[in-house]
Amino acid sequence: MAVAARDWETVKALEPVLASVEGGDPLYSAALRYRAEWRLVDGDDRDMAPEALEIVDLGLARTSPRWLLGQRKRALQIIRQEEEIPAELIEIPETE
């Protein structure tokens, strides 16, 4: 699979398919993870990091796997270009 091979260009090309996976689908968590990951893989792409943050926050509102918290922190680091992120920015968003 493209993810196992770290073929992020292929994962990026699958974005429309990954974005179509809905919340009740067993693949939802994986789809969110891959959608966020390809946006964060460059580490310096401040244009893509806000999109990754939005995807991660969407996942946190519906589920709470630990990997989402790590990706949320990484997206904020890229956006802010800082090593340490203030705790209030790492807090999990409120669910509806």
N, C-alpha and C. Protein backbone atom coordinates (compact mmCIF):
# COMPACT_ATOMS: atom_id res chain seq x y z
N MET A 1 0.84 -1.19 0.00
CA MET A 1 0.00 0.00 0.00
C MET A 1 0.88 1.25 0.00
N ALA A 2 0.36 2.31 -0.56
CA ALA A 2 1.11 3.56 -0.69
C ALA A 2 1.58 4.11 0.66
N VAL A 3 0.75 3.96 1.69
CA VAL A 3 1.11 4.48 3.01
C VAL A 3 2.30 3.72 3.57
N ALA A 4 2.27 2.41 3.49
CA ALA A 4 3.38 1.60 4.00
C ALA A 4 4.68 1.93 3.28
N ALA A 5 4.59 2.25 2.01
CA ALA A 5 5.77 2.59 1.21
C ALA A 5 6.14 4.07 1.35
N ARG A 6 5.36 4.80 2.14
CA ARG A 6 5.57 6.25 2.29
C ARG A 6 5.51 6.98 0.94
N ASP A 7 4.62 6.48 0.09
CA ASP A 7 4.41 7.09 -1.22
C ASP A 7 3.31 8.14 -1.07
N TRP A 8 3.70 9.30 -0.55
CA TRP A 8 2.71 10.33 -0.21
C TRP A 8 2.07 10.96 -1.44
N GLU A 9 2.73 10.93 -2.57
CA GLU A 9 2.11 11.46 -3.79
C GLU A 9 0.90 10.62 -4.19
N THR A 10 1.01 9.31 -4.03
CA THR A 10 -0.13 8.43 -4.33
C THR A 10 -1.24 8.64 -3.32
N VAL A 11 -0.87 8.78 -2.04
CA VAL A 11 -1.88 9.05 -1.01
C VAL A 11 -2.58 10.37 -1.31
N LYS A 12 -1.80 11.38 -1.70
CA LYS A 12 -2.37 12.68 -2.06
C LYS A 12 -3.36 12.54 -3.22
N ALA A 13 -3.02 11.71 -4.20
CA ALA A 13 -3.91 11.49 -5.35
C ALA A 13 -5.21 10.81 -4.93
N LEU A 14 -5.17 10.07 -3.82
CA LEU A 14 -6.36 9.39 -3.31
C LEU A 14 -7.24 10.29 -2.43
N GLU A 15 -6.86 11.56 -2.30
CA GLU A 15 -7.59 12.49 -1.43
C GLU A 15 -9.11 12.48 -1.66
N PRO A 16 -9.60 12.53 -2.90
CA PRO A 16 -11.06 12.52 -3.08
C PRO A 16 -11.72 11.26 -2.50
N VAL A 17 -11.06 10.13 -2.63
CA VAL A 17 -11.60 8.87 -2.09
C VAL A 17 -11.55 8.91 -0.57
N LEU A 18 -10.42 9.33 -0.02
CA LEU A 18 -10.27 9.40 1.44
C LEU A 18 -11.27 10.39 2.04
N ALA A 19 -11.47 11.52 1.38
CA ALA A 19 -12.40 12.54 1.88
C ALA A 19 -13.85 12.08 1.83
N SER A 20 -14.15 11.09 1.01
CA SER A 20 -15.53 10.60 0.90
C SER A 20 -15.90 9.60 2.00
N VAL A 21 -14.93 9.14 2.77
CA VAL A 21 -15.20 8.17 3.84
C VAL A 21 -15.94 8.91 4.96
N GLU A 22 -17.08 8.38 5.36
CA GLU A 22 -17.93 9.04 6.36
C GLU A 22 -17.68 8.51 7.76
N GLY A 23 -18.13 9.28 8.75
CA GLY A 23 -17.88 9.00 10.16
C GLY A 23 -18.21 7.62 10.66
N GLY A 24 -19.24 6.99 10.15
CA GLY A 24 -19.62 5.67 10.63
C GLY A 24 -18.82 4.53 10.00
N ASP A 25 -18.07 4.82 9.00
CA ASP A 25 -17.29 3.81 8.28
C ASP A 25 -16.11 3.35 9.13
N PRO A 26 -15.84 2.04 9.18
CA PRO A 26 -14.70 1.54 9.94
C PRO A 26 -13.35 2.11 9.46
N LEU A 27 -13.31 2.61 8.24
CA LEU A 27 -12.08 3.17 7.69
C LEU A 27 -11.93 4.67 7.96
N TYR A 28 -12.89 5.25 8.65
CA TYR A 28 -12.90 6.69 8.87
C TYR A 28 -11.62 7.19 9.55
N SER A 29 -11.24 6.55 10.62
CA SER A 29 -10.05 6.98 11.36
C SER A 29 -8.80 6.91 10.49
N ALA A 30 -8.65 5.82 9.75
CA ALA A 30 -7.49 5.67 8.86
C ALA A 30 -7.51 6.72 7.75
N ALA A 31 -8.69 6.99 7.20
CA ALA A 31 -8.80 8.00 6.14
C ALA A 31 -8.37 9.37 6.66
N LEU A 32 -8.83 9.73 7.86
CA LEU A 32 -8.43 11.01 8.44
C LEU A 32 -6.92 11.05 8.65
N ARG A 33 -6.39 9.96 9.15
CA ARG A 33 -4.95 9.91 9.43
C ARG A 33 -4.14 10.15 8.15
N TYR A 34 -4.49 9.46 7.10
CA TYR A 34 -3.75 9.61 5.84
C TYR A 34 -3.95 10.98 5.22
N ARG A 35 -5.15 11.53 5.35
CA ARG A 35 -5.41 12.87 4.82
C ARG A 35 -4.57 13.92 5.54
N ALA A 36 -4.44 13.77 6.83
CA ALA A 36 -3.61 14.71 7.59
C ALA A 36 -2.12 14.45 7.35
N GLU A 37 -1.74 13.19 7.31
CA GLU A 37 -0.32 12.84 7.20
C GLU A 37 0.33 13.37 5.92
N TRP A 38 -0.33 13.23 4.78
CA TRP A 38 0.32 13.69 3.55
C TRP A 38 0.49 15.21 3.56
N ARG A 39 -0.34 15.89 4.31
CA ARG A 39 -0.21 17.34 4.41
C ARG A 39 0.94 17.75 5.34
N LEU A 40 1.32 16.86 6.26
CA LEU A 40 2.36 17.17 7.25
C LEU A 40 3.72 16.59 6.91
N VAL A 41 3.78 15.75 5.90
CA VAL A 41 5.01 15.01 5.60
C VAL A 41 6.18 15.94 5.26
N ASP A 42 5.92 17.09 4.66
CA ASP A 42 6.99 18.01 4.28
C ASP A 42 7.57 18.75 5.49
N GLY A 43 6.79 18.94 6.53
CA GLY A 43 7.28 19.57 7.74
C GLY A 43 7.46 21.07 7.68
N ASP A 44 7.58 21.64 6.50
CA ASP A 44 7.76 23.08 6.36
C ASP A 44 6.63 23.73 5.57
N ASP A 45 5.64 22.96 5.21
CA ASP A 45 4.58 23.47 4.36
C ASP A 45 3.51 24.16 5.21
N ARG A 46 3.69 25.45 5.43
CA ARG A 46 2.76 26.20 6.27
C ARG A 46 1.41 26.40 5.60
N ASP A 47 1.32 26.15 4.30
CA ASP A 47 0.04 26.26 3.61
C ASP A 47 -0.83 25.03 3.87
N MET A 48 -0.21 23.86 3.98
CA MET A 48 -0.96 22.62 4.16
C MET A 48 -1.25 22.31 5.63
N ALA A 49 -0.43 22.79 6.53
CA ALA A 49 -0.60 22.48 7.95
C ALA A 49 -1.96 22.92 8.50
N PRO A 50 -2.49 24.09 8.13
CA PRO A 50 -3.83 24.44 8.62
C PRO A 50 -4.91 23.46 8.15
N GLU A 51 -4.77 22.94 6.92
CA GLU A 51 -5.72 21.93 6.44
C GLU A 51 -5.60 20.67 7.28
N ALA A 52 -4.37 20.26 7.58
CA ALA A 52 -4.15 19.08 8.40
C ALA A 52 -4.76 19.28 9.78
N LEU A 53 -4.59 20.46 10.34
CA LEU A 53 -5.14 20.78 11.66
C LEU A 53 -6.66 20.68 11.64
N GLU A 54 -7.29 21.18 10.59
CA GLU A 54 -8.74 21.10 10.47
C GLU A 54 -9.22 19.65 10.40
N ILE A 55 -8.50 18.82 9.65
CA ILE A 55 -8.85 17.40 9.52
C ILE A 55 -8.70 16.70 10.87
N VAL A 56 -7.59 16.98 11.55
CA VAL A 56 -7.35 16.36 12.86
C VAL A 56 -8.43 16.79 13.85
N ASP A 57 -8.78 18.08 13.86
CA ASP A 57 -9.83 18.54 14.78
C ASP A 57 -11.17 17.88 14.47
N LEU A 58 -11.44 17.64 13.20
CA LEU A 58 -12.66 16.93 12.83
C LEU A 58 -12.65 15.53 13.44
N GLY A 59 -11.51 14.86 13.35
CA GLY A 59 -11.38 13.52 13.93
C GLY A 59 -11.50 13.55 15.44
N LEU A 60 -10.92 14.56 16.08
CA LEU A 60 -11.00 14.66 17.54
C LEU A 60 -12.42 14.90 18.01
N ALA A 61 -13.22 15.56 17.18
CA ALA A 61 -14.61 15.82 17.55
C ALA A 61 -15.44 14.53 17.51
N ARG A 62 -14.99 13.54 16.74
CA ARG A 62 -15.76 12.30 16.58
C ARG A 62 -15.14 11.11 17.27
N THR A 63 -13.84 11.16 17.51
CA THR A 63 -13.10 10.04 18.09
C THR A 63 -11.87 10.62 18.78
N SER A 64 -11.10 9.81 19.48
CA SER A 64 -9.94 10.39 20.16
C SER A 64 -8.71 9.49 20.15
N PRO A 65 -8.32 8.96 19.01
CA PRO A 65 -7.07 8.19 18.98
C PRO A 65 -5.87 9.08 19.30
N ARG A 66 -4.89 8.53 19.97
CA ARG A 66 -3.70 9.29 20.38
C ARG A 66 -2.96 9.87 19.19
N TRP A 67 -2.95 9.18 18.04
CA TRP A 67 -2.19 9.70 16.90
C TRP A 67 -2.70 11.05 16.46
N LEU A 68 -4.01 11.31 16.66
CA LEU A 68 -4.56 12.61 16.28
C LEU A 68 -3.94 13.74 17.10
N LEU A 69 -3.70 13.48 18.37
CA LEU A 69 -3.09 14.52 19.21
C LEU A 69 -1.68 14.82 18.75
N GLY A 70 -0.94 13.80 18.35
CA GLY A 70 0.41 14.01 17.84
C GLY A 70 0.40 14.80 16.55
N GLN A 71 -0.52 14.47 15.65
CA GLN A 71 -0.59 15.21 14.39
C GLN A 71 -1.07 16.64 14.61
N ARG A 72 -1.96 16.83 15.57
CA ARG A 72 -2.43 18.18 15.88
C ARG A 72 -1.25 19.04 16.35
N LYS A 73 -0.45 18.48 17.24
CA LYS A 73 0.71 19.21 17.75
C LYS A 73 1.70 19.51 16.62
N ARG A 74 1.93 18.54 15.74
CA ARG A 74 2.87 18.74 14.63
C ARG A 74 2.38 19.84 13.68
N ALA A 75 1.08 19.84 13.37
CA ALA A 75 0.52 20.88 12.50
C ALA A 75 0.70 22.26 13.13
N LEU A 76 0.47 22.37 14.43
CA LEU A 76 0.64 23.64 15.10
C LEU A 76 2.11 24.07 15.11
N GLN A 77 3.02 23.11 15.27
CA GLN A 77 4.44 23.45 15.22
C GLN A 77 4.82 24.01 13.86
N ILE A 78 4.30 23.41 12.81
CA ILE A 78 4.60 23.89 11.46
C ILE A 78 4.02 25.28 11.25
N ILE A 79 2.79 25.47 11.67
CA ILE A 79 2.13 26.76 11.50
C ILE A 79 2.88 27.84 12.27
N ARG A 80 3.23 27.54 13.49
CA ARG A 80 3.84 28.54 14.35
C ARG A 80 5.36 28.58 14.26
N GLN A 81 5.96 27.59 13.61
CA GLN A 81 7.41 27.50 13.46
C GLN A 81 8.11 27.58 14.83
N GLU A 82 7.56 26.83 15.79
CA GLU A 82 8.12 26.79 17.14
C GLU A 82 8.32 25.35 17.55
N GLU A 83 9.23 25.15 18.46
CA GLU A 83 9.47 23.82 19.01
C GLU A 83 8.41 23.45 20.04
N GLU A 84 8.06 24.38 20.91
CA GLU A 84 7.09 24.12 21.96
C GLU A 84 5.78 24.85 21.66
N ILE A 85 4.69 24.17 21.84
CA ILE A 85 3.37 24.75 21.60
C ILE A 85 2.71 24.98 22.95
N PRO A 86 2.15 26.17 23.19
CA PRO A 86 1.44 26.41 24.45
C PRO A 86 0.34 25.38 24.69
N ALA A 87 0.20 24.95 25.92
CA ALA A 87 -0.77 23.90 26.27
C ALA A 87 -2.18 24.22 25.82
N GLU A 88 -2.58 25.49 25.87
CA GLU A 88 -3.95 25.83 25.50
C GLU A 88 -4.24 25.57 24.03
N LEU A 89 -3.20 25.50 23.19
CA LEU A 89 -3.40 25.20 21.78
C LEU A 89 -3.46 23.70 21.51
N ILE A 90 -3.05 22.90 22.47
CA ILE A 90 -3.03 21.45 22.28
C ILE A 90 -4.31 20.81 22.83
N GLU A 91 -5.09 21.57 23.56
CA GLU A 91 -6.31 21.05 24.16
C GLU A 91 -7.23 20.47 23.09
N ILE A 92 -7.94 19.43 23.46
CA ILE A 92 -8.90 18.79 22.55
C ILE A 92 -10.12 19.68 22.42
N PRO A 93 -10.56 19.94 21.18
CA PRO A 93 -11.76 20.77 20.98
C PRO A 93 -13.00 20.12 21.61
N GLU A 94 -13.93 20.94 22.01
CA GLU A 94 -15.20 20.44 22.56
C GLU A 94 -15.99 19.74 21.48
N THR A 95 -16.64 18.63 21.85
CA THR A 95 -17.50 17.93 20.90
C THR A 95 -18.91 18.44 21.05
N GLU A 96 -19.65 18.29 19.99
CA GLU A 96 -21.05 18.77 19.99
C GLU A 96 -21.97 17.75 20.61
